[in-house]
Amino acid sequence: LRKPTIFAPSSTVTDFLASTNPFPILLLHHTKQSYLTSFITARPTAKMAAARSAFRLTTRFAAPRVAIRSQAARPFSVSARAFKSDVVSEKEIPVSVYAPDAKGAGQSDHFSIPVREHDSRPPTESPIPGPENDDVVPLTRKTYDSMPPMMQKLSVMGKTIVVTGGARGLGNYMARACAEAGAKALVIFDANQELGDEAAAELHQKTGLPVTFFKVDVRDGAAINAAVDSVVELYGAPDVLVNSAGIADSNIKAETYDPAMFRRLIDINLTGSFLMSQAVGRAMMKAGKPGSIILVASMSGSIVNYPQEQSCYNASKAGVIQFGKSLAAEWAKYNIRVNCISPGYMDTALNRVPALDAQKKIWKSLTPQDRLGSVDDLNGLCVFLASDASSFMTGSNVIIDGGYTCY
């Protein structure tokens, strides 16, 4: 063993010399190949208290006197000092391709591609994705049976799915996605009678699936319970709940926010999530079947938005996220999973108003993808969380924001 090295900040040494209390200090003993560590206790002597020029160490092992070394700590690996990269700069990359030929017989091809030292090609902008059309093509049982096991797990074949706020916007597109992924039946809960009827009729026309609409306000617990009981009579206990109903109040200062508006906001966004989850969860428990509950929260439940002031909305969505996590822990024993989807700024009808044009420019500039989310950008995650492919996933909050929260 070489002489041990003591690592301690200068302030610690100064305080130590001025004190009569023992100080813990980390010792590193150098060997040829590694370090050995140990903790010792340093205690000042009477002579030190007077002169502050030396001190004695008392330890559990034989280390009666050492000196503090002032040089910087040495690297923790001897080999790291002499490390040399083993990366070889290839001029060509070997490629092997194994694929069927035109007749379906297996064939192989082997070739090399050159490596460019510098790619001078200018970057190209990717097209902004979005719904290409409004067609909804449901997954059939015949197609499902021909799919490999992994793709089958990613479907919602045979499941009954309840979507709140499903008459329009994000909720409507998630309902469509579930239809395409093989849902047995769709149930829409919405407070708008006209839009709800139109959405249900359109979904049925395009998919051929049974689609039922209930005019329900998510703040009305009695109405929710009656509607869920009716769903059970029609289709059996729901397999999936997508709780998408919600409102957004922004650009309102907290000091001038009407308390009645705040209660309404909390009742729709948070209490509505609770009442719907409670009613559907009870039905799942009574039927003894596994289920998935998906709560649509917001990235605003995890961050503070800029430039608009919306502390009350943010609080409501933060509540949804924490409610989802807590419910996931409580209901795991019933094999009911609860997860949250937190979208960023989305290109919905609510945001397509001239009054928000200036703010939308700021939102886009703060988003690495430089765009707002498309109305169908939540579809893939919704289907995944509803499917058996996510059977080990519960209590999660997944943010879909184009990278906004990276900054």
Protein backbone atom coordinates (compact mmCIF):
# COMPACT_ATOMS: atom_id res chain seq x y z
CA LEU A 1 0.00 0.00 0.00
CA ARG A 2 1.13 3.50 -0.78
CA LYS A 3 0.49 6.41 1.52
CA PRO A 4 -3.26 7.12 1.74
CA THR A 5 -4.78 10.23 0.20
CA ILE A 6 -7.37 12.27 2.08
CA PHE A 7 -10.08 14.06 0.14
CA ALA A 8 -11.69 16.94 2.02
CA PRO A 9 -12.73 20.47 0.92
CA SER A 10 -10.66 23.35 2.28
CA SER A 11 -13.65 24.66 4.20
CA THR A 12 -13.93 21.33 6.00
CA VAL A 13 -10.28 21.48 7.05
CA THR A 14 -10.65 25.06 8.28
CA ASP A 15 -13.74 24.18 10.30
CA PHE A 16 -11.97 21.14 11.60
CA LEU A 17 -8.96 23.06 12.86
CA ALA A 18 -11.21 25.53 14.65
CA SER A 19 -13.34 22.85 16.28
CA THR A 20 -12.96 20.22 18.95
CA ASN A 21 -15.48 17.87 17.30
CA PRO A 22 -14.37 14.82 15.30
CA PHE A 23 -14.74 14.91 11.52
CA PRO A 24 -15.36 11.89 9.23
CA ILE A 25 -12.87 11.78 6.34
CA LEU A 26 -12.67 9.44 3.35
CA LEU A 27 -9.28 7.78 2.77
CA LEU A 28 -8.23 6.29 -0.55
CA HIS A 29 -5.32 3.82 -0.39
CA HIS A 30 -3.50 3.51 -3.73
CA THR A 31 -2.39 0.12 -4.98
CA LYS A 32 -0.89 -0.67 -8.34
CA GLN A 33 -4.21 -1.62 -9.87
CA SER A 34 -6.99 -0.10 -7.79
CA TYR A 35 -8.04 1.94 -4.79
CA LEU A 36 -9.15 0.81 -1.36
CA THR A 37 -11.48 3.14 0.52
CA SER A 38 -12.14 3.56 4.22
CA PHE A 39 -13.60 6.14 6.57
CA ILE A 40 -11.62 7.52 9.47
CA THR A 41 -12.35 9.98 12.23
CA ALA A 42 -10.12 13.05 12.60
CA ARG A 43 -9.89 14.70 16.03
CA PRO A 44 -7.89 17.89 16.83
CA THR A 45 -5.31 17.85 19.63
CA ALA A 46 -4.71 20.55 22.24
CA LYS A 47 -1.60 21.65 20.38
CA MET A 48 -3.64 22.06 17.19
CA ALA A 49 -6.24 24.19 18.96
CA ALA A 50 -3.46 26.58 19.90
CA ALA A 51 -1.26 26.53 16.84
CA ARG A 52 -3.66 25.15 14.18
CA SER A 53 -0.66 23.80 12.38
CA ALA A 54 -0.99 20.04 12.77
CA PHE A 55 -3.46 17.43 13.76
CA ARG A 56 -3.62 13.83 14.83
CA LEU A 57 -5.85 11.16 13.33
CA THR A 58 -7.47 8.45 15.40
CA THR A 59 -8.89 5.54 13.42
CA ARG A 60 -10.13 2.05 13.80
CA PHE A 61 -7.01 0.79 12.10
CA ALA A 62 -3.33 1.71 12.22
CA ALA A 63 -3.11 5.09 10.52
CA PRO A 64 -1.61 7.33 13.23
CA ARG A 65 -0.28 10.17 11.10
CA VAL A 66 -1.00 11.29 7.55
CA ALA A 67 -0.74 14.55 5.68
CA ILE A 68 -3.41 16.17 3.58
CA ARG A 69 -2.40 16.16 -0.06
CA SER A 70 -3.41 19.28 -1.93
CA GLN A 71 -3.18 17.98 -5.48
CA ALA A 72 -6.31 17.06 -7.42
CA ALA A 73 -7.76 13.58 -7.15
CA ARG A 74 -6.20 11.06 -9.51
CA PRO A 75 -8.33 9.12 -12.00
CA PHE A 76 -10.11 6.11 -10.53
CA SER A 77 -8.83 3.74 -13.21
CA VAL A 78 -5.20 3.22 -14.12
CA SER A 79 -6.22 1.82 -17.49
CA ALA A 80 -8.32 4.91 -18.25
CA ARG A 81 -5.19 7.07 -18.45
CA ALA A 82 -3.81 4.91 -21.22
CA PHE A 83 -7.09 4.20 -23.01
CA LYS A 84 -6.97 4.11 -26.78
CA SER A 85 -10.03 3.90 -28.96
CA ASP A 86 -10.48 0.62 -30.81
CA VAL A 87 -12.84 2.14 -33.39
CA VAL A 88 -11.65 1.46 -36.93
CA SER A 89 -12.67 4.00 -39.56
CA GLU A 90 -14.07 1.80 -42.29
CA LYS A 91 -14.00 2.87 -45.92
CA GLU A 92 -16.80 0.47 -46.84
CA ILE A 93 -19.64 -1.19 -44.92
CA PRO A 94 -20.37 -4.87 -45.69
CA VAL A 95 -24.10 -5.59 -46.17
CA SER A 96 -25.92 -8.93 -46.26
CA VAL A 97 -29.55 -9.14 -47.41
CA TYR A 98 -31.73 -12.21 -47.00
CA ALA A 99 -35.13 -11.96 -48.71
CA PRO A 100 -37.52 -13.99 -50.87
CA ASP A 101 -37.29 -13.64 -54.63
CA ALA A 102 -40.22 -13.07 -56.99
CA LYS A 103 -41.20 -16.75 -56.70
CA GLY A 104 -41.05 -16.72 -52.92
CA ALA A 105 -37.85 -18.72 -52.68
CA GLY A 106 -35.18 -17.56 -50.25
CA GLN A 107 -32.14 -15.82 -51.66
CA SER A 108 -29.21 -13.83 -50.33
CA ASP A 109 -27.15 -10.94 -51.60
CA HIS A 110 -23.85 -9.59 -50.31
CA PHE A 111 -22.34 -6.24 -51.19
CA SER A 112 -20.64 -3.16 -49.71
CA ILE A 113 -21.60 0.49 -49.54
CA PRO A 114 -19.08 3.37 -49.40
CA VAL A 115 -18.65 5.61 -46.36
CA ARG A 116 -18.72 9.35 -46.94
CA GLU A 117 -16.36 11.39 -44.81
CA HIS A 118 -18.62 14.42 -44.88
CA ASP A 119 -22.21 14.57 -46.03
CA SER A 120 -22.64 17.90 -47.77
CA ARG A 121 -26.25 17.32 -48.71
CA PRO A 122 -28.56 20.00 -47.26
CA PRO A 123 -31.14 18.81 -44.73
CA THR A 124 -34.67 18.39 -46.00
CA GLU A 125 -37.78 19.27 -44.05
CA SER A 126 -40.07 16.40 -43.17
CA PRO A 127 -43.73 16.86 -44.02
CA ILE A 128 -45.95 17.68 -41.07
CA PRO A 129 -47.96 14.54 -40.31
CA GLY A 130 -51.69 14.57 -39.88
CA PRO A 131 -54.81 12.59 -40.63
CA GLU A 132 -54.65 11.77 -44.34
CA ASN A 133 -58.38 11.03 -44.57
CA ASP A 134 -61.40 10.30 -42.45
CA ASP A 135 -61.73 6.67 -43.49
CA VAL A 136 -62.03 4.20 -40.64
CA VAL A 137 -61.27 0.60 -41.61
CA PRO A 138 -61.96 -1.78 -38.73
CA LEU A 139 -59.80 -4.81 -38.05
CA THR A 140 -61.72 -7.95 -38.97
CA ARG A 141 -61.53 -11.28 -37.18
CA LYS A 142 -60.17 -12.92 -40.34
CA THR A 143 -57.33 -10.42 -40.57
CA TYR A 144 -56.67 -10.69 -36.84
CA ASP A 145 -56.36 -14.49 -37.04
CA SER A 146 -53.72 -14.14 -39.76
CA MET A 147 -51.60 -11.71 -37.75
CA PRO A 148 -48.49 -12.80 -35.80
CA PRO A 149 -48.87 -13.01 -31.99
CA MET A 150 -47.15 -9.69 -31.31
CA MET A 151 -49.46 -7.80 -33.65
CA GLN A 152 -52.47 -9.52 -32.10
CA LYS A 153 -51.40 -8.27 -28.68
CA LEU A 154 -51.28 -4.74 -30.07
CA SER A 155 -54.94 -4.90 -31.07
CA VAL A 156 -58.09 -4.43 -29.00
CA MET A 157 -59.92 -7.26 -30.71
CA GLY A 158 -63.21 -8.08 -28.99
CA LYS A 159 -63.02 -5.30 -26.41
CA THR A 160 -65.81 -2.91 -25.41
CA ILE A 161 -64.43 0.60 -25.14
CA VAL A 162 -66.01 3.63 -23.45
CA VAL A 163 -64.74 7.06 -24.52
CA THR A 164 -65.77 10.24 -22.72
CA GLY A 165 -65.60 13.44 -24.74
CA GLY A 166 -65.78 11.18 -27.78
CA ALA A 167 -68.05 13.41 -29.85
CA ARG A 168 -65.20 15.52 -31.18
CA GLY A 169 -61.50 16.31 -31.11
CA LEU A 170 -58.95 14.01 -29.53
CA GLY A 171 -61.57 11.76 -27.94
CA ASN A 172 -63.30 11.17 -31.27
CA TYR A 173 -60.05 10.27 -33.01
CA MET A 174 -59.08 7.86 -30.25
CA ALA A 175 -62.49 6.19 -30.59
CA ARG A 176 -61.83 5.80 -34.33
CA ALA A 177 -58.41 4.31 -33.63
CA CYS A 178 -59.94 1.73 -31.29
CA ALA A 179 -62.44 0.81 -34.00
CA GLU A 180 -59.59 0.27 -36.46
CA ALA A 181 -57.75 -1.85 -33.88
CA GLY A 182 -60.59 -4.36 -33.55
CA ALA A 183 -62.97 -3.08 -30.85
CA LYS A 184 -66.16 -5.11 -30.43
CA ALA A 185 -68.27 -2.08 -29.52
CA LEU A 186 -67.77 1.64 -28.96
CA VAL A 187 -69.58 3.72 -26.35
CA ILE A 188 -69.42 7.52 -26.41
CA PHE A 189 -70.19 9.65 -23.37
CA ASP A 190 -70.54 13.36 -24.11
CA ALA A 191 -72.51 16.32 -22.80
CA ASN A 192 -73.39 17.59 -26.30
CA GLN A 193 -76.45 15.78 -27.62
CA GLU A 194 -76.19 16.92 -31.23
CA LEU A 195 -72.48 16.28 -31.66
CA GLY A 196 -72.70 12.98 -29.81
CA ASP A 197 -75.47 11.65 -32.05
CA GLU A 198 -73.59 12.74 -35.18
CA ALA A 199 -70.34 11.14 -34.03
CA ALA A 200 -71.99 7.84 -33.11
CA ALA A 201 -73.91 7.64 -36.39
CA GLU A 202 -70.79 8.45 -38.42
CA LEU A 203 -68.64 5.88 -36.61
CA HIS A 204 -71.26 3.19 -37.09
CA GLN A 205 -71.65 4.06 -40.77
CA LYS A 206 -67.90 3.93 -41.42
CA THR A 207 -67.09 0.84 -39.35
CA GLY A 208 -70.23 -1.23 -39.13
CA LEU A 209 -69.55 -1.62 -35.41
CA PRO A 210 -72.24 -1.11 -32.79
CA VAL A 211 -71.77 2.43 -31.45
CA THR A 212 -73.85 3.76 -28.57
CA PHE A 213 -74.05 7.37 -27.44
CA PHE A 214 -75.04 8.45 -23.93
CA LYS A 215 -75.66 12.13 -23.22
CA VAL A 216 -73.81 12.31 -19.92
CA ASP A 217 -72.19 15.15 -18.03
CA VAL A 218 -69.09 13.73 -16.32
CA ARG A 219 -69.93 15.79 -13.22
CA ASP A 220 -73.20 13.87 -12.72
CA GLY A 221 -72.38 10.76 -10.74
CA ALA A 222 -75.92 9.37 -10.78
CA ALA A 223 -76.20 9.70 -14.57
CA ILE A 224 -72.78 8.08 -15.01
CA ASN A 225 -73.75 5.09 -12.87
CA ALA A 226 -77.01 4.60 -14.78
CA ALA A 227 -75.23 4.84 -18.14
CA VAL A 228 -72.50 2.37 -17.15
CA ASP A 229 -75.15 -0.08 -15.91
CA SER A 230 -76.80 0.18 -19.33
CA VAL A 231 -73.46 -0.47 -21.05
CA VAL A 232 -73.05 -3.64 -18.98
CA GLU A 233 -76.52 -4.82 -20.03
CA LEU A 234 -75.77 -4.16 -23.71
CA TYR A 235 -72.18 -5.38 -24.07
CA GLY A 236 -71.01 -6.67 -20.72
CA ALA A 237 -68.56 -4.86 -18.45
CA PRO A 238 -66.34 -2.42 -20.37
CA ASP A 239 -62.79 -3.55 -21.07
CA VAL A 240 -61.39 -0.06 -21.57
CA LEU A 241 -62.23 3.47 -20.43
CA VAL A 242 -60.70 6.41 -22.26
CA ASN A 243 -61.46 9.49 -20.17
CA SER A 244 -60.95 12.34 -22.63
CA ALA A 245 -63.63 14.79 -21.47
CA GLY A 246 -62.18 18.07 -20.24
CA ILE A 247 -62.05 21.82 -20.62
CA ALA A 248 -59.20 24.33 -20.77
CA ASP A 249 -59.17 27.79 -19.20
CA SER A 250 -56.08 29.80 -20.08
CA ASN A 251 -54.97 33.42 -20.22
CA ILE A 252 -56.72 34.08 -16.91
CA LYS A 253 -54.73 35.46 -14.00
CA ALA A 254 -55.07 33.56 -10.75
CA GLU A 255 -55.81 36.75 -8.82
CA THR A 256 -58.86 37.46 -10.99
CA TYR A 257 -60.03 33.88 -11.60
CA ASP A 258 -63.66 33.40 -10.55
CA PRO A 259 -63.89 30.74 -7.80
CA ALA A 260 -67.04 29.39 -9.46
CA MET A 261 -65.08 28.88 -12.69
CA PHE A 262 -62.35 27.12 -10.73
CA ARG A 263 -64.84 24.71 -9.19
CA ARG A 264 -66.30 23.99 -12.64
CA LEU A 265 -62.81 23.36 -14.04
CA ILE A 266 -61.92 20.96 -11.23
CA ASP A 267 -65.30 19.22 -11.41
CA ILE A 268 -65.00 18.47 -15.13
CA ASN A 269 -61.30 17.67 -15.38
CA LEU A 270 -60.63 15.97 -12.05
CA THR A 271 -63.95 14.98 -10.47
CA GLY A 272 -65.14 13.72 -13.84
CA SER A 273 -62.09 11.47 -14.09
CA PHE A 274 -62.83 10.11 -10.62
CA LEU A 275 -66.56 9.49 -11.19
CA MET A 276 -66.03 7.77 -14.54
CA SER A 277 -63.16 5.64 -13.22
CA GLN A 278 -65.18 4.67 -10.16
CA ALA A 279 -68.24 3.57 -12.13
CA VAL A 280 -66.35 1.66 -14.82
CA GLY A 281 -63.90 0.22 -12.29
CA ARG A 282 -66.75 -1.18 -10.20
CA ALA A 283 -68.21 -2.86 -13.28
CA MET A 284 -64.84 -4.42 -14.10
CA MET A 285 -64.41 -5.65 -10.52
CA LYS A 286 -67.93 -7.10 -10.39
CA ALA A 287 -67.33 -8.98 -13.63
CA GLY A 288 -63.95 -10.17 -12.38
CA LYS A 289 -62.27 -9.15 -15.62
CA PRO A 290 -59.06 -7.22 -16.26
CA GLY A 291 -59.35 -3.71 -17.60
CA SER A 292 -57.50 -0.61 -18.72
CA ILE A 293 -58.35 2.95 -17.72
CA ILE A 294 -56.72 5.73 -19.73
CA LEU A 295 -56.90 9.25 -18.31
CA VAL A 296 -56.15 12.13 -20.66
CA ALA A 297 -54.21 14.66 -18.60
CA SER A 298 -51.82 17.26 -20.04
CA MET A 299 -48.16 18.17 -20.08
CA SER A 300 -49.44 21.21 -18.15
CA GLY A 301 -49.84 18.90 -15.16
CA SER A 302 -46.05 18.55 -15.07
CA ILE A 303 -44.78 21.96 -16.22
CA VAL A 304 -45.64 25.67 -16.15
CA ASN A 305 -46.76 26.92 -19.56
CA TYR A 306 -45.49 30.03 -21.32
CA PRO A 307 -46.57 32.68 -22.18
CA GLN A 308 -50.18 32.18 -21.07
CA GLU A 309 -51.19 32.18 -17.40
CA GLN A 310 -53.23 29.11 -16.51
CA SER A 311 -52.34 28.00 -13.00
CA CYS A 312 -55.83 26.67 -12.31
CA TYR A 313 -55.93 24.47 -15.41
CA ASN A 314 -52.45 23.17 -14.62
CA ALA A 315 -53.57 22.28 -11.10
CA SER A 316 -56.55 20.32 -12.44
CA LYS A 317 -54.36 18.24 -14.76
CA ALA A 318 -51.70 17.67 -12.10
CA GLY A 319 -54.52 16.25 -9.99
CA VAL A 320 -55.50 13.87 -12.80
CA ILE A 321 -51.93 12.57 -13.07
CA GLN A 322 -51.58 11.93 -9.35
CA PHE A 323 -55.06 10.42 -9.18
CA GLY A 324 -54.10 8.03 -11.96
CA LYS A 325 -50.90 6.94 -10.23
CA SER A 326 -52.67 6.39 -6.92
CA LEU A 327 -55.55 4.50 -8.52
CA ALA A 328 -53.10 2.30 -10.41
CA ALA A 329 -51.52 1.23 -7.12
CA GLU A 330 -54.88 0.61 -5.45
CA TRP A 331 -56.48 -1.35 -8.29
CA ALA A 332 -53.53 -3.45 -9.40
CA LYS A 333 -54.87 -6.26 -7.22
CA TYR A 334 -57.98 -6.32 -9.43
CA ASN A 335 -55.84 -6.48 -12.59
CA ILE A 336 -57.10 -3.05 -13.60
CA ARG A 337 -54.41 -0.84 -15.09
CA VAL A 338 -54.52 2.96 -14.97
CA ASN A 339 -52.29 5.18 -17.10
CA CYS A 340 -52.25 8.81 -18.21
CA ILE A 341 -51.67 10.37 -21.61
CA SER A 342 -50.39 13.94 -21.36
CA PRO A 343 -50.57 15.77 -24.69
CA GLY A 344 -48.71 18.96 -25.45
CA TYR A 345 -50.06 21.73 -27.64
CA MET A 346 -52.49 20.13 -30.09
CA ASP A 347 -54.01 21.41 -33.31
CA THR A 348 -57.62 21.02 -32.20
CA ALA A 349 -60.62 23.20 -32.96
CA LEU A 350 -60.21 24.91 -29.58
CA ASN A 351 -56.80 26.23 -30.67
CA ARG A 352 -57.83 27.24 -34.19
CA VAL A 353 -58.96 30.72 -33.25
CA PRO A 354 -57.36 34.01 -34.35
CA ALA A 355 -56.92 35.15 -30.74
CA LEU A 356 -54.32 32.41 -30.21
CA ASP A 357 -52.27 32.98 -33.37
CA ALA A 358 -49.52 34.94 -31.60
CA GLN A 359 -49.28 32.42 -28.78
CA LYS A 360 -49.20 29.48 -31.19
CA LYS A 361 -46.11 30.94 -32.83
CA ILE A 362 -44.42 30.94 -29.43
CA TRP A 363 -45.62 27.41 -28.66
CA LYS A 364 -44.20 26.13 -31.94
CA SER A 365 -40.90 27.95 -31.42
CA LEU A 366 -40.51 26.21 -28.05
CA THR A 367 -41.29 22.79 -29.52
CA PRO A 368 -38.33 20.95 -31.10
CA GLN A 369 -40.57 19.50 -33.81
CA ASP A 370 -41.73 23.06 -34.61
CA ARG A 371 -45.39 22.16 -34.86
CA LEU A 372 -48.55 21.51 -32.88
CA GLY A 373 -49.71 17.95 -32.42
CA SER A 374 -52.14 16.54 -34.95
CA VAL A 375 -55.54 15.39 -33.70
CA ASP A 376 -54.55 11.77 -34.35
CA ASP A 377 -51.14 11.89 -32.65
CA LEU A 378 -52.51 10.25 -29.49
CA ASN A 379 -54.08 7.33 -31.35
CA GLY A 380 -51.13 4.95 -31.29
CA LEU A 381 -50.50 5.33 -27.57
CA CYS A 382 -54.20 5.05 -26.78
CA VAL A 383 -54.48 1.73 -28.62
CA PHE A 384 -51.27 0.47 -27.01
CA LEU A 385 -52.48 1.29 -23.49
CA ALA A 386 -55.86 -0.28 -24.25
CA SER A 387 -54.27 -3.44 -25.64
CA ASP A 388 -52.74 -6.46 -23.93
CA ALA A 389 -49.32 -5.38 -25.20
CA SER A 390 -49.17 -2.96 -22.24
CA SER A 391 -50.27 -5.52 -19.64
CA PHE A 392 -47.28 -4.75 -17.38
CA MET A 393 -47.71 -0.99 -17.65
CA THR A 394 -49.68 0.86 -14.99
CA GLY A 395 -49.28 4.12 -13.10
CA SER A 396 -47.44 5.73 -16.01
CA ASN A 397 -47.83 9.24 -17.35
CA VAL A 398 -46.71 9.43 -20.98
CA ILE A 399 -46.11 12.90 -22.41
CA ILE A 400 -46.69 13.40 -26.15
CA ASP A 401 -45.58 16.96 -26.88
CA GLY A 402 -43.20 17.03 -29.84
CA GLY A 403 -40.32 17.48 -27.41
CA TYR A 404 -41.69 20.62 -25.70
CA THR A 405 -40.74 19.45 -22.21
CA CYS A 406 -37.16 18.72 -23.33
CA TYR A 407 -36.35 22.41 -22.85
